[in-house]
Amino acid sequence: MHINNKSQLNGLPDTMKAIVLEQPNQNMALSEIRVPLPQCDENEILVRVEAVGLTPFDVCCSIKGFPQWQYPHVLGLDAVGIVVQAPKGLFPNVGDKVMWHANIAEQGVLSEYAKVPNFAVSVVPTNISSASAAAIPCPGMSALIALEKTKVIEGDTVLIENGATTFGQYAIQSAKQRGAIVFTTTTKKHFKLAKRLGVEEVFDSEKDNLIDSIRSAIGPQGFDVVIDSTGGETTIRNIELLRFCGRIACLKSLPTFSDELMFRQAPSLSIVSLAGAWLSKSVRAQQRMAFMKNALLEGVANGEILVPELSFIDFNANSISQALRLQSHDDFAGKQIVKIAKDC
């Protein structure tokens, strides 16, 4: 039989299974369809996806969508898989296991195959499973960027909100590595987890008088740094908890600040945005993310960074929809991994 299709000549299928968002919806309902195999440009590699880590951004976009998306859109940003197609002389090589954080403006990674620029991936060490590696990119890199933007150094007092989340866990560990004195907020059921990560003190995020409890514990001087992963009105509270000219990194939307608060506290405010590296088309920023992923992988491989507890999700629309709904709760801890390869 004569075969003209290039993918078939390479032993690859014409089409693949993908989990898509037909339209943004409050119930985060997804669909399963078959789509053509991605066609790579000269600097792109094709990867057979093994595992995908679900992120809070997947939750948000399932509900609200994203301005640059056309529907149906393949969801998913954090992936690990095996390189199955790469131009000759291009690193990494066919057969390498790689990890990456996908371009938000393009199709996602909840599919059997995905394409990615070669400079945006990191090769996964042999002693890290695909599932563990898929738990790293978005939360791990966001944590590193937040700490870099706020210039956390040894001796700084740092409040990391929602310390039981995957982002919070990476941020706590990375801040401790820098010699910071770390505090966090979380619900009571996650206090033991936060303590195991080495925080100085844990505050109950459900307390009505939380700001008073924190001030009672740390005194009137305030924190040197706050890592704010909640946004909105909570950001105002967090600025109140800073010392004068303190630093705050924000991962969510900002409220309207009063002039009085800004002049009284004079905070140095930074925004954390992984998506910006892609949306700004900054190759330098994309390469920088790869360097951060390499550092995180090295830390996990050496046992210096602990990956959050993993739970596994089947590769079908219903299971992933349910997982996103579960992850939408504020006190959700751990990391949900979609297993696309059975042995990941």
C-alpha atoms as a PDB file:
ATOM      1  CA  MET A   1       0.000   0.000   0.000  1.00  0.00           C
ATOM      2  CA  HIS A   2       1.372   3.437  -0.928  1.00  0.00           C
ATOM      3  CA  ILE A   3       1.588   5.917   1.974  1.00  0.00           C
ATOM      4  CA  ASN A   4       1.912   9.632   1.350  1.00  0.00           C
ATOM      5  CA  ASN A   5       1.349  10.922   4.871  1.00  0.00           C
ATOM      6  CA  LYS A   6       4.611  12.039   6.504  1.00  0.00           C
ATOM      7  CA  SER A   7       3.472  11.163  10.026  1.00  0.00           C
ATOM      8  CA  GLN A   8       2.580   7.642   8.950  1.00  0.00           C
ATOM      9  CA  LEU A   9       6.019   7.290   7.369  1.00  0.00           C
ATOM     10  CA  ASN A  10       7.486   8.110  10.781  1.00  0.00           C
ATOM     11  CA  GLY A  11       5.256   5.588  12.520  1.00  0.00           C
ATOM     12  CA  LEU A  12       3.017   8.324  13.948  1.00  0.00           C
ATOM     13  CA  PRO A  13      -0.769   8.572  13.644  1.00  0.00           C
ATOM     14  CA  ASP A  14      -2.626  11.107  11.520  1.00  0.00           C
ATOM     15  CA  THR A  15      -4.864  12.162  14.398  1.00  0.00           C
ATOM     16  CA  MET A  16      -4.779  12.120  18.189  1.00  0.00           C
ATOM     17  CA  LYS A  17      -7.100  12.234  21.179  1.00  0.00           C
ATOM     18  CA  ALA A  18      -7.415  15.639  22.858  1.00  0.00           C
ATOM     19  CA  ILE A  19      -9.421  17.103  25.747  1.00  0.00           C
ATOM     20  CA  VAL A  20     -10.937  20.433  24.732  1.00  0.00           C
ATOM     21  CA  LEU A  21     -12.973  23.311  26.015  1.00  0.00           C
ATOM     22  CA  GLU A  22     -15.851  23.775  23.537  1.00  0.00           C
ATOM     23  CA  GLN A  23     -16.772  27.086  25.161  1.00  0.00           C
ATOM     24  CA  PRO A  24     -15.951  28.623  28.570  1.00  0.00           C
ATOM     25  CA  ASN A  25     -18.528  27.540  31.149  1.00  0.00           C
ATOM     26  CA  GLN A  26     -19.073  27.715  34.913  1.00  0.00           C
ATOM     27  CA  ASN A  27     -19.210  23.939  35.268  1.00  0.00           C
ATOM     28  CA  MET A  28     -15.803  23.504  33.601  1.00  0.00           C
ATOM     29  CA  ALA A  29     -17.315  20.862  31.315  1.00  0.00           C
ATOM     30  CA  LEU A  30     -14.867  19.523  28.750  1.00  0.00           C
ATOM     31  CA  SER A  31     -15.116  17.317  25.663  1.00  0.00           C
ATOM     32  CA  GLU A  32     -13.018  14.622  24.044  1.00  0.00           C
ATOM     33  CA  ILE A  33     -12.326  14.881  20.313  1.00  0.00           C
ATOM     34  CA  ARG A  34      -9.790  13.770  17.749  1.00  0.00           C
ATOM     35  CA  VAL A  35      -7.620  16.418  16.117  1.00  0.00           C
ATOM     36  CA  PRO A  36      -4.835  16.329  13.505  1.00  0.00           C
ATOM     37  CA  LEU A  37      -1.329  15.580  14.704  1.00  0.00           C
ATOM     38  CA  PRO A  38       0.588  18.879  15.208  1.00  0.00           C
ATOM     39  CA  GLN A  39       2.903  19.897  12.375  1.00  0.00           C
ATOM     40  CA  CYS A  40       6.228  21.253  13.629  1.00  0.00           C
ATOM     41  CA  ASP A  41       8.204  24.248  12.367  1.00  0.00           C
ATOM     42  CA  GLU A  42      11.984  24.097  12.001  1.00  0.00           C
ATOM     43  CA  ASN A  43      12.753  24.923  15.656  1.00  0.00           C
ATOM     44  CA  GLU A  44       9.981  22.766  17.126  1.00  0.00           C
ATOM     45  CA  ILE A  45       9.953  19.205  18.390  1.00  0.00           C
ATOM     46  CA  LEU A  46       7.061  16.775  18.585  1.00  0.00           C
ATOM     47  CA  VAL A  47       6.497  15.113  21.957  1.00  0.00           C
ATOM     48  CA  ARG A  48       4.386  12.099  22.892  1.00  0.00           C
ATOM     49  CA  VAL A  49       2.773  13.398  26.085  1.00  0.00           C
ATOM     50  CA  GLU A  50       2.952  11.167  29.151  1.00  0.00           C
ATOM     51  CA  ALA A  51       1.659  13.364  31.980  1.00  0.00           C
ATOM     52  CA  VAL A  52      -0.002  16.767  32.412  1.00  0.00           C
ATOM     53  CA  GLY A  53      -0.141  18.752  35.645  1.00  0.00           C
ATOM     54  CA  LEU A  54      -3.397  20.655  36.170  1.00  0.00           C
ATOM     55  CA  THR A  55      -2.987  24.270  37.301  1.00  0.00           C
ATOM     56  CA  PRO A  56      -5.192  27.016  38.769  1.00  0.00           C
ATOM     57  CA  PHE A  57      -4.880  28.770  35.416  1.00  0.00           C
ATOM     58  CA  ASP A  58      -6.594  25.784  33.757  1.00  0.00           C
ATOM     59  CA  VAL A  59      -9.462  26.277  36.206  1.00  0.00           C
ATOM     60  CA  CYS A  60      -9.716  30.008  35.513  1.00  0.00           C
ATOM     61  CA  CYS A  61      -9.591  29.609  31.729  1.00  0.00           C
ATOM     62  CA  SER A  62     -12.168  26.806  31.750  1.00  0.00           C
ATOM     63  CA  ILE A  63     -14.611  29.281  33.266  1.00  0.00           C
ATOM     64  CA  LYS A  64     -13.616  32.555  31.603  1.00  0.00           C
ATOM     65  CA  GLY A  65     -11.710  31.479  28.501  1.00  0.00           C
ATOM     66  CA  PHE A  66      -8.760  33.442  27.137  1.00  0.00           C
ATOM     67  CA  PRO A  67      -8.858  36.332  24.624  1.00  0.00           C
ATOM     68  CA  GLN A  68      -6.549  34.719  22.053  1.00  0.00           C
ATOM     69  CA  TRP A  69      -8.241  31.306  22.016  1.00  0.00           C
ATOM     70  CA  GLN A  70     -10.423  29.897  19.293  1.00  0.00           C
ATOM     71  CA  TYR A  71     -12.783  27.087  20.228  1.00  0.00           C
ATOM     72  CA  PRO A  72     -12.678  24.208  20.684  1.00  0.00           C
ATOM     73  CA  HIS A  73      -9.383  24.748  22.511  1.00  0.00           C
ATOM     74  CA  VAL A  74      -7.094  22.037  23.867  1.00  0.00           C
ATOM     75  CA  LEU A  75      -6.516  22.746  27.576  1.00  0.00           C
ATOM     76  CA  GLY A  76      -3.379  22.198  29.646  1.00  0.00           C
ATOM     77  CA  LEU A  77      -0.075  24.014  30.163  1.00  0.00           C
ATOM     78  CA  ASP A  78       2.352  21.806  32.111  1.00  0.00           C
ATOM     79  CA  ALA A  79       3.502  18.615  30.393  1.00  0.00           C
ATOM     80  CA  VAL A  80       6.111  15.882  30.312  1.00  0.00           C
ATOM     81  CA  GLY A  81       6.700  13.467  27.457  1.00  0.00           C
ATOM     82  CA  ILE A  82       9.088  11.715  25.101  1.00  0.00           C
ATOM     83  CA  VAL A  83      10.514  13.449  22.034  1.00  0.00           C
ATOM     84  CA  VAL A  84       9.383  11.488  18.969  1.00  0.00           C
ATOM     85  CA  GLN A  85      10.306  13.907  16.205  1.00  0.00           C
ATOM     86  CA  ALA A  86      13.096  16.524  16.019  1.00  0.00           C
ATOM     87  CA  PRO A  87      15.067  18.089  13.177  1.00  0.00           C
ATOM     88  CA  LYS A  88      18.557  16.684  12.748  1.00  0.00           C
ATOM     89  CA  GLY A  89      21.084  18.435  14.976  1.00  0.00           C
ATOM     90  CA  LEU A  90      18.406  20.051  17.137  1.00  0.00           C
ATOM     91  CA  PHE A  91      18.551  19.519  20.917  1.00  0.00           C
ATOM     92  CA  PRO A  92      16.945  17.598  22.609  1.00  0.00           C
ATOM     93  CA  ASN A  93      17.157  14.268  20.845  1.00  0.00           C
ATOM     94  CA  VAL A  94      14.471  11.784  19.870  1.00  0.00           C
ATOM     95  CA  GLY A  95      13.906   9.542  22.882  1.00  0.00           C
ATOM     96  CA  ASP A  96      14.666  12.208  25.506  1.00  0.00           C
ATOM     97  CA  LYS A  97      12.101  12.829  28.246  1.00  0.00           C
ATOM     98  CA  VAL A  98      11.307  16.550  28.446  1.00  0.00           C
ATOM     99  CA  MET A  99       9.257  18.920  30.591  1.00  0.00           C
ATOM    100  CA  TRP A 100       7.792  22.280  29.589  1.00  0.00           C
ATOM    101  CA  HIS A 101       5.249  25.024  30.248  1.00  0.00           C
ATOM    102  CA  ALA A 102       3.204  25.621  27.098  1.00  0.00           C
ATOM    103  CA  ASN A 103       2.446  28.821  25.213  1.00  0.00           C
ATOM    104  CA  ILE A 104      -0.881  30.106  26.564  1.00  0.00           C
ATOM    105  CA  ALA A 105      -1.781  31.629  23.184  1.00  0.00           C
ATOM    106  CA  GLU A 106      -1.580  28.270  21.364  1.00  0.00           C
ATOM    107  CA  GLN A 107      -3.187  24.861  21.749  1.00  0.00           C
ATOM    108  CA  GLY A 108      -2.571  23.186  25.099  1.00  0.00           C
ATOM    109  CA  VAL A 109      -1.072  19.855  26.090  1.00  0.00           C
ATOM    110  CA  LEU A 110      -4.018  17.685  27.171  1.00  0.00           C
ATOM    111  CA  SER A 111      -3.500  15.549  24.073  1.00  0.00           C
ATOM    112  CA  GLU A 112      -1.576  12.476  23.041  1.00  0.00           C
ATOM    113  CA  TYR A 113       1.047  14.574  21.225  1.00  0.00           C
ATOM    114  CA  ALA A 114       2.136  18.205  21.413  1.00  0.00           C
ATOM    115  CA  LYS A 115       4.651  20.437  19.667  1.00  0.00           C
ATOM    116  CA  VAL A 116       6.947  22.839  21.502  1.00  0.00           C
ATOM    117  CA  PRO A 117       9.962  25.047  20.657  1.00  0.00           C
ATOM    118  CA  ASN A 118      13.119  23.112  21.450  1.00  0.00           C
ATOM    119  CA  PHE A 119      14.568  25.944  23.585  1.00  0.00           C
ATOM    120  CA  ALA A 120      11.532  25.914  25.890  1.00  0.00           C
ATOM    121  CA  VAL A 121      11.979  22.355  27.203  1.00  0.00           C
ATOM    122  CA  SER A 122      14.131  20.834  29.926  1.00  0.00           C
ATOM    123  CA  VAL A 123      15.383  17.248  29.884  1.00  0.00           C
ATOM    124  CA  VAL A 124      14.074  15.309  32.887  1.00  0.00           C
ATOM    125  CA  PRO A 125      16.661  13.454  35.018  1.00  0.00           C
ATOM    126  CA  THR A 126      16.274   9.682  35.005  1.00  0.00           C
ATOM    127  CA  ASN A 127      15.447   9.530  38.735  1.00  0.00           C
ATOM    128  CA  ILE A 128      12.351  11.750  38.374  1.00  0.00           C
ATOM    129  CA  SER A 129       9.105  10.186  37.142  1.00  0.00           C
ATOM    130  CA  SER A 130       7.030  11.833  34.438  1.00  0.00           C
ATOM    131  CA  ALA A 131       4.232  12.451  36.964  1.00  0.00           C
ATOM    132  CA  SER A 132       6.552  14.177  39.440  1.00  0.00           C
ATOM    133  CA  ALA A 133       8.113  16.305  36.702  1.00  0.00           C
ATOM    134  CA  ALA A 134       4.665  17.391  35.482  1.00  0.00           C
ATOM    135  CA  ALA A 135       3.989  18.784  38.973  1.00  0.00           C
ATOM    136  CA  ILE A 136       6.832  21.295  38.691  1.00  0.00           C
ATOM    137  CA  PRO A 137       6.633  23.916  35.873  1.00  0.00           C
ATOM    138  CA  CYS A 138       3.837  26.398  36.587  1.00  0.00           C
ATOM    139  CA  PRO A 139       3.903  26.452  40.414  1.00  0.00           C
ATOM    140  CA  GLY A 140       7.658  26.003  40.692  1.00  0.00           C
ATOM    141  CA  MET A 141       8.602  28.709  38.202  1.00  0.00           C
ATOM    142  CA  SER A 142       5.978  31.112  39.572  1.00  0.00           C
ATOM    143  CA  ALA A 143       7.500  30.671  43.029  1.00  0.00           C
ATOM    144  CA  LEU A 144      11.030  31.378  41.774  1.00  0.00           C
ATOM    145  CA  ILE A 145       9.908  34.449  39.821  1.00  0.00           C
ATOM    146  CA  ALA A 146       8.036  35.812  42.865  1.00  0.00           C
ATOM    147  CA  LEU A 147      11.130  35.422  45.057  1.00  0.00           C
ATOM    148  CA  GLU A 148      13.436  36.923  42.424  1.00  0.00           C
ATOM    149  CA  LYS A 149      11.184  39.925  41.826  1.00  0.00           C
ATOM    150  CA  THR A 150      10.951  40.636  45.561  1.00  0.00           C
ATOM    151  CA  LYS A 151      14.719  40.068  45.983  1.00  0.00           C
ATOM    152  CA  VAL A 152      14.311  37.730  48.958  1.00  0.00           C
ATOM    153  CA  ILE A 153      17.600  37.316  50.833  1.00  0.00           C
ATOM    154  CA  GLU A 154      18.819  35.673  54.019  1.00  0.00           C
ATOM    155  CA  GLY A 155      17.103  37.028  57.115  1.00  0.00           C
ATOM    156  CA  ASP A 156      14.074  38.507  55.319  1.00  0.00           C
ATOM    157  CA  THR A 157      10.702  37.880  56.942  1.00  0.00           C
ATOM    158  CA  VAL A 158       8.385  36.534  54.245  1.00  0.00           C
ATOM    159  CA  LEU A 159       4.642  35.842  54.324  1.00  0.00           C
ATOM    160  CA  ILE A 160       3.600  33.273  51.710  1.00  0.00           C
ATOM    161  CA  GLU A 161      -0.148  33.031  51.342  1.00  0.00           C
ATOM    162  CA  ASN A 162      -1.913  29.685  50.909  1.00  0.00           C
ATOM    163  CA  GLY A 163       1.151  27.655  51.825  1.00  0.00           C
ATOM    164  CA  ALA A 164      -0.531  24.280  51.241  1.00  0.00           C
ATOM    165  CA  THR A 165      -1.115  24.901  47.535  1.00  0.00           C
ATOM    166  CA  THR A 166       1.455  23.574  45.085  1.00  0.00           C
ATOM    167  CA  PHE A 167       2.657  27.122  44.470  1.00  0.00           C
ATOM    168  CA  GLY A 168       2.822  27.775  48.210  1.00  0.00           C
ATOM    169  CA  GLN A 169       4.820  24.618  48.862  1.00  0.00           C
ATOM    170  CA  TYR A 170       7.431  25.465  46.236  1.00  0.00           C
ATOM    171  CA  ALA A 171       7.576  29.089  47.413  1.00  0.00           C
ATOM    172  CA  ILE A 172       8.111  28.074  51.050  1.00  0.00           C
ATOM    173  CA  GLN A 173      10.903  25.661  50.171  1.00  0.00           C
ATOM    174  CA  SER A 174      12.626  28.079  47.811  1.00  0.00           C
ATOM    175  CA  ALA A 175      12.409  30.954  50.318  1.00  0.00           C
ATOM    176  CA  LYS A 176      13.867  28.716  53.031  1.00  0.00           C
ATOM    177  CA  GLN A 177      16.743  27.834  50.707  1.00  0.00           C
ATOM    178  CA  ARG A 178      17.522  31.550  50.477  1.00  0.00           C
ATOM    179  CA  GLY A 179      17.671  31.803  54.276  1.00  0.00           C
ATOM    180  CA  ALA A 180      14.376  33.663  54.733  1.00  0.00           C
ATOM    181  CA  ILE A 181      12.215  33.439  57.841  1.00  0.00           C
ATOM    182  CA  VAL A 182       8.961  32.156  56.374  1.00  0.00           C
ATOM    183  CA  PHE A 183       5.370  32.491  57.593  1.00  0.00           C
ATOM    184  CA  THR A 184       2.265  31.239  55.827  1.00  0.00           C
ATOM    185  CA  THR A 185      -1.523  31.147  55.885  1.00  0.00           C
ATOM    186  CA  THR A 186      -3.667  28.083  55.286  1.00  0.00           C
ATOM    187  CA  THR A 187      -6.665  26.256  56.723  1.00  0.00           C
ATOM    188  CA  LYS A 188      -6.196  24.280  59.943  1.00  0.00           C
ATOM    189  CA  LYS A 189      -6.288  20.905  58.191  1.00  0.00           C
ATOM    190  CA  HIS A 190      -3.049  21.819  56.382  1.00  0.00           C
ATOM    191  CA  PHE A 191      -1.113  23.151  59.398  1.00  0.00           C
ATOM    192  CA  LYS A 192       0.999  19.982  59.742  1.00  0.00           C
ATOM    193  CA  LEU A 193       1.970  20.108  56.065  1.00  0.00           C
ATOM    194  CA  ALA A 194       3.101  23.726  56.372  1.00  0.00           C
ATOM    195  CA  LYS A 195       5.109  22.937  59.512  1.00  0.00           C
ATOM    196  CA  ARG A 196       6.834  20.018  57.767  1.00  0.00           C
ATOM    197  CA  LEU A 197       8.000  22.466  55.102  1.00  0.00           C
ATOM    198  CA  GLY A 198       9.758  24.484  57.786  1.00  0.00           C
ATOM    199  CA  VAL A 199       7.692  27.641  58.255  1.00  0.00           C
ATOM    200  CA  GLU A 200       8.209  29.753  61.372  1.00  0.00           C
ATOM    201  CA  GLU A 201       4.489  30.068  62.072  1.00  0.00           C
ATOM    202  CA  VAL A 202       1.188  29.156  60.385  1.00  0.00           C
ATOM    203  CA  PHE A 203      -1.860  31.414  60.532  1.00  0.00           C
ATOM    204  CA  ASP A 204      -5.436  30.202  60.127  1.00  0.00           C
ATOM    205  CA  SER A 205      -6.684  31.715  56.858  1.00  0.00           C
ATOM    206  CA  GLU A 206     -10.324  31.247  57.960  1.00  0.00           C
ATOM    207  CA  LYS A 207     -10.008  33.469  61.039  1.00  0.00           C
ATOM    208  CA  ASP A 208     -12.078  36.636  60.972  1.00  0.00           C
ATOM    209  CA  ASN A 209      -9.350  38.614  62.740  1.00  0.00           C
ATOM    210  CA  LEU A 210      -6.474  37.180  60.719  1.00  0.00           C
ATOM    211  CA  ILE A 211      -4.641  40.493  60.355  1.00  0.00           C
ATOM    212  CA  ASP A 212      -4.704  40.992  64.136  1.00  0.00           C
ATOM    213  CA  SER A 213      -3.368  37.472  64.728  1.00  0.00           C
ATOM    214  CA  ILE A 214      -0.497  38.089  62.341  1.00  0.00           C
ATOM    215  CA  ARG A 215       0.402  41.463  63.839  1.00  0.00           C
ATOM    216  CA  SER A 216       0.296  39.964  67.322  1.00  0.00           C
ATOM    217  CA  ALA A 217       2.792  37.291  66.244  1.00  0.00           C
ATOM    218  CA  ILE A 218       5.267  39.390  64.250  1.00  0.00           C
ATOM    219  CA  GLY A 219       4.986  42.753  65.986  1.00  0.00           C
ATOM    220  CA  PRO A 220       4.419  46.209  64.480  1.00  0.00           C
ATOM    221  CA  GLN A 221       7.357  46.160  62.074  1.00  0.00           C
ATOM    222  CA  GLY A 222       5.590  44.101  59.377  1.00  0.00           C
ATOM    223  CA  PHE A 223       6.998  41.678  56.820  1.00  0.00           C
ATOM    224  CA  ASP A 224       9.857  42.460  54.478  1.00  0.00           C
ATOM    225  CA  VAL A 225       8.092  40.519  51.700  1.00  0.00           C
ATOM    226  CA  VAL A 226       4.617  39.160  50.980  1.00  0.00           C
ATOM    227  CA  ILE A 227       3.927  36.639  48.219  1.00  0.00           C
ATOM    228  CA  ASP A 228       0.263  37.242  47.347  1.00  0.00           C
ATOM    229  CA  SER A 229      -1.448  34.402  45.469  1.00  0.00           C
ATOM    230  CA  THR A 230      -5.040  35.461  46.214  1.00  0.00           C
ATOM    231  CA  GLY A 231      -5.420  38.936  44.745  1.00  0.00           C
ATOM    232  CA  GLY A 232      -8.363  41.291  44.990  1.00  0.00           C
ATOM    233  CA  GLU A 233      -9.105  42.827  48.388  1.00  0.00           C
ATOM    234  CA  THR A 234      -6.669  40.414  50.059  1.00  0.00           C
ATOM    235  CA  THR A 235      -3.843  42.329  48.388  1.00  0.00           C
ATOM    236  CA  ILE A 236      -4.856  45.442  50.320  1.00  0.00           C
ATOM    237  CA  ARG A 237      -4.605  43.483  53.580  1.00  0.00           C
ATOM    238  CA  ASN A 238      -1.212  42.148  52.576  1.00  0.00           C
ATOM    239  CA  ILE A 239       0.145  45.616  51.823  1.00  0.00           C
ATOM    240  CA  GLU A 240      -1.016  46.657  55.309  1.00  0.00           C
ATOM    241  CA  LEU A 241       1.102  43.795  56.686  1.00  0.00           C
ATOM    242  CA  LEU A 242       4.280  45.018  54.973  1.00  0.00           C
ATOM    243  CA  ARG A 243       6.893  47.177  56.616  1.00  0.00           C
ATOM    244  CA  PHE A 244       7.347  50.641  55.084  1.00  0.00           C
ATOM    245  CA  CYS A 245       8.784  50.203  51.570  1.00  0.00           C
ATOM    246  CA  GLY A 246       8.275  46.448  51.784  1.00  0.00           C
ATOM    247  CA  ARG A 247       8.011  44.239  48.679  1.00  0.00           C
ATOM    248  CA  ILE A 248       5.009  42.313  47.423  1.00  0.00           C
ATOM    249  CA  ALA A 249       4.662  39.939  44.463  1.00  0.00           C
ATOM    250  CA  CYS A 250       1.145  39.372  43.124  1.00  0.00           C
ATOM    251  CA  LEU A 251      -0.112  36.441  41.060  1.00  0.00           C
ATOM    252  CA  LYS A 252      -3.751  37.479  40.661  1.00  0.00           C
ATOM    253  CA  SER A 253      -5.766  40.536  39.638  1.00  0.00           C
ATOM    254  CA  LEU A 254      -5.270  43.709  41.641  1.00  0.00           C
ATOM    255  CA  PRO A 255      -7.876  45.836  43.431  1.00  0.00           C
ATOM    256  CA  THR A 256      -8.103  49.605  43.350  1.00  0.00           C
ATOM    257  CA  PHE A 257      -5.653  51.007  45.900  1.00  0.00           C
ATOM    258  CA  SER A 258      -6.319  54.130  47.906  1.00  0.00           C
ATOM    259  CA  ASP A 259      -3.752  56.919  47.650  1.00  0.00           C
ATOM    260  CA  GLU A 260      -3.515  56.957  51.446  1.00  0.00           C
ATOM    261  CA  LEU A 261      -2.451  53.277  51.567  1.00  0.00           C
ATOM    262  CA  MET A 262       0.105  53.676  48.793  1.00  0.00           C
ATOM    263  CA  PHE A 263       1.740  56.775  50.284  1.00  0.00           C
ATOM    264  CA  ARG A 264       1.688  55.398  53.834  1.00  0.00           C
ATOM    265  CA  GLN A 265       3.192  52.004  52.941  1.00  0.00           C
ATOM    266  CA  ALA A 266       5.117  52.895  49.727  1.00  0.00           C
ATOM    267  CA  PRO A 267       5.251  49.241  48.657  1.00  0.00           C
ATOM    268  CA  SER A 268       7.388  47.874  45.850  1.00  0.00           C
ATOM    269  CA  LEU A 269       4.846  45.847  43.848  1.00  0.00           C
ATOM    270  CA  SER A 270       5.668  43.164  41.274  1.00  0.00           C
ATOM    271  CA  ILE A 271       3.464  41.071  38.996  1.00  0.00           C
ATOM    272  CA  VAL A 272       4.195  37.394  38.320  1.00  0.00           C
ATOM    273  CA  SER A 273       3.159  36.226  34.850  1.00  0.00           C
ATOM    274  CA  LEU A 274       4.466  33.093  33.168  1.00  0.00           C
ATOM    275  CA  ALA A 275       2.106  33.701  30.262  1.00  0.00           C
ATOM    276  CA  GLY A 276       3.811  37.030  29.595  1.00  0.00           C
ATOM    277  CA  ALA A 277       6.953  35.303  28.350  1.00  0.00           C
ATOM    278  CA  TRP A 278       4.892  33.889  25.474  1.00  0.00           C
ATOM    279  CA  LEU A 279       2.468  36.768  24.942  1.00  0.00           C
ATOM    280  CA  SER A 280       5.330  39.282  24.705  1.00  0.00           C
ATOM    281  CA  LYS A 281       7.142  36.904  22.298  1.00  0.00           C
ATOM    282  CA  SER A 282      10.270  37.317  24.390  1.00  0.00           C
ATOM    283  CA  VAL A 283      12.586  34.441  23.443  1.00  0.00           C
ATOM    284  CA  ARG A 284      14.915  35.546  26.231  1.00  0.00           C
ATOM    285  CA  ALA A 285      12.130  35.155  28.799  1.00  0.00           C
ATOM    286  CA  GLN A 286      11.151  31.781  27.356  1.00  0.00           C
ATOM    287  CA  GLN A 287      14.747  30.601  27.604  1.00  0.00           C
ATOM    288  CA  ARG A 288      14.916  31.968  31.145  1.00  0.00           C
ATOM    289  CA  MET A 289      11.962  29.774  32.061  1.00  0.00           C
ATOM    290  CA  ALA A 290      13.873  26.756  30.757  1.00  0.00           C
ATOM    291  CA  PHE A 291      16.809  27.669  33.028  1.00  0.00           C
ATOM    292  CA  MET A 292      14.436  27.872  35.996  1.00  0.00           C
ATOM    293  CA  LYS A 293      12.944  24.488  35.135  1.00  0.00           C
ATOM    294  CA  ASN A 294      16.458  23.031  35.022  1.00  0.00           C
ATOM    295  CA  ALA A 295      17.168  24.408  38.502  1.00  0.00           C
ATOM    296  CA  LEU A 296      13.914  23.010  39.861  1.00  0.00           C
ATOM    297  CA  LEU A 297      14.537  19.593  38.315  1.00  0.00           C
ATOM    298  CA  GLU A 298      18.022  19.539  39.815  1.00  0.00           C
ATOM    299  CA  GLY A 299      16.588  20.402  43.234  1.00  0.00           C
ATOM    300  CA  VAL A 300      14.008  17.635  43.028  1.00  0.00           C
ATOM    301  CA  ALA A 301      16.561  15.122  41.727  1.00  0.00           C
ATOM    302  CA  ASN A 302      18.905  15.944  44.628  1.00  0.00           C
ATOM    303  CA  GLY A 303      16.135  15.745  47.229  1.00  0.00           C
ATOM    304  CA  GLU A 304      16.467  19.449  48.085  1.00  0.00           C
ATOM    305  CA  ILE A 305      12.938  20.238  46.834  1.00  0.00           C
ATOM    306  CA  LEU A 306       9.943  18.048  47.664  1.00  0.00           C
ATOM    307  CA  VAL A 307       7.219  17.613  45.056  1.00  0.00           C
ATOM    308  CA  PRO A 308       3.668  18.029  46.443  1.00  0.00           C
ATOM    309  CA  GLU A 309       1.560  14.934  47.031  1.00  0.00           C
ATOM    310  CA  LEU A 310       0.261  13.655  43.692  1.00  0.00           C
ATOM    311  CA  SER A 311      -3.194  12.382  42.787  1.00  0.00           C
ATOM    312  CA  PHE A 312      -3.821  10.791  39.411  1.00  0.00           C
ATOM    313  CA  ILE A 313      -6.579  11.635  36.942  1.00  0.00           C
ATOM    314  CA  ASP A 314      -7.714   9.504  34.012  1.00  0.00           C
ATOM    315  CA  PHE A 315      -7.259  10.913  30.532  1.00  0.00           C
ATOM    316  CA  ASN A 316     -10.920  11.542  29.732  1.00  0.00           C
ATOM    317  CA  ALA A 317     -13.126  14.636  29.654  1.00  0.00           C
ATOM    318  CA  ASN A 318     -15.349  13.731  32.611  1.00  0.00           C
ATOM    319  CA  SER A 319     -12.498  12.898  34.997  1.00  0.00           C
ATOM    320  CA  ILE A 320     -10.569  16.060  34.109  1.00  0.00           C
ATOM    321  CA  SER A 321     -13.688  18.236  34.477  1.00  0.00           C
ATOM    322  CA  GLN A 322     -14.248  16.801  37.955  1.00  0.00           C
ATOM    323  CA  ALA A 323     -10.587  17.394  38.827  1.00  0.00           C
ATOM    324  CA  LEU A 324     -10.805  21.051  37.779  1.00  0.00           C
ATOM    325  CA  ARG A 325     -13.915  21.554  39.895  1.00  0.00           C
ATOM    326  CA  LEU A 326     -12.104  20.055  42.893  1.00  0.00           C
ATOM    327  CA  GLN A 327      -9.086  22.267  42.315  1.00  0.00           C
ATOM    328  CA  SER A 328     -11.240  25.394  42.269  1.00  0.00           C
ATOM    329  CA  HIS A 329     -11.603  25.228  46.079  1.00  0.00           C
ATOM    330  CA  ASP A 330      -9.340  27.708  47.857  1.00  0.00           C
ATOM    331  CA  ASP A 331      -7.906  25.192  50.332  1.00  0.00           C
ATOM    332  CA  PHE A 332      -7.068  22.507  47.745  1.00  0.00           C
ATOM    333  CA  ALA A 333      -3.632  21.011  48.413  1.00  0.00           C
ATOM    334  CA  GLY A 334      -1.533  18.583  46.395  1.00  0.00           C
ATOM    335  CA  LYS A 335      -1.136  18.238  42.660  1.00  0.00           C
ATOM    336  CA  GLN A 336      -3.471  16.545  40.184  1.00  0.00           C
ATOM    337  CA  ILE A 337      -1.707  14.754  37.348  1.00  0.00           C
ATOM    338  CA  VAL A 338      -3.480  13.536  34.214  1.00  0.00           C
ATOM    339  CA  LYS A 339      -1.931  10.218  33.235  1.00  0.00           C
ATOM    340  CA  ILE A 340      -1.787  10.026  29.444  1.00  0.00           C
ATOM    341  CA  ALA A 341       0.772   7.218  29.468  1.00  0.00           C
ATOM    342  CA  LYS A 342      -0.172   4.334  31.776  1.00  0.00           C
ATOM    343  CA  ASP A 343       3.336   3.922  33.215  1.00  0.00           C
ATOM    344  CA  CYS A 344       4.122   7.593  33.909  1.00  0.00           C
END
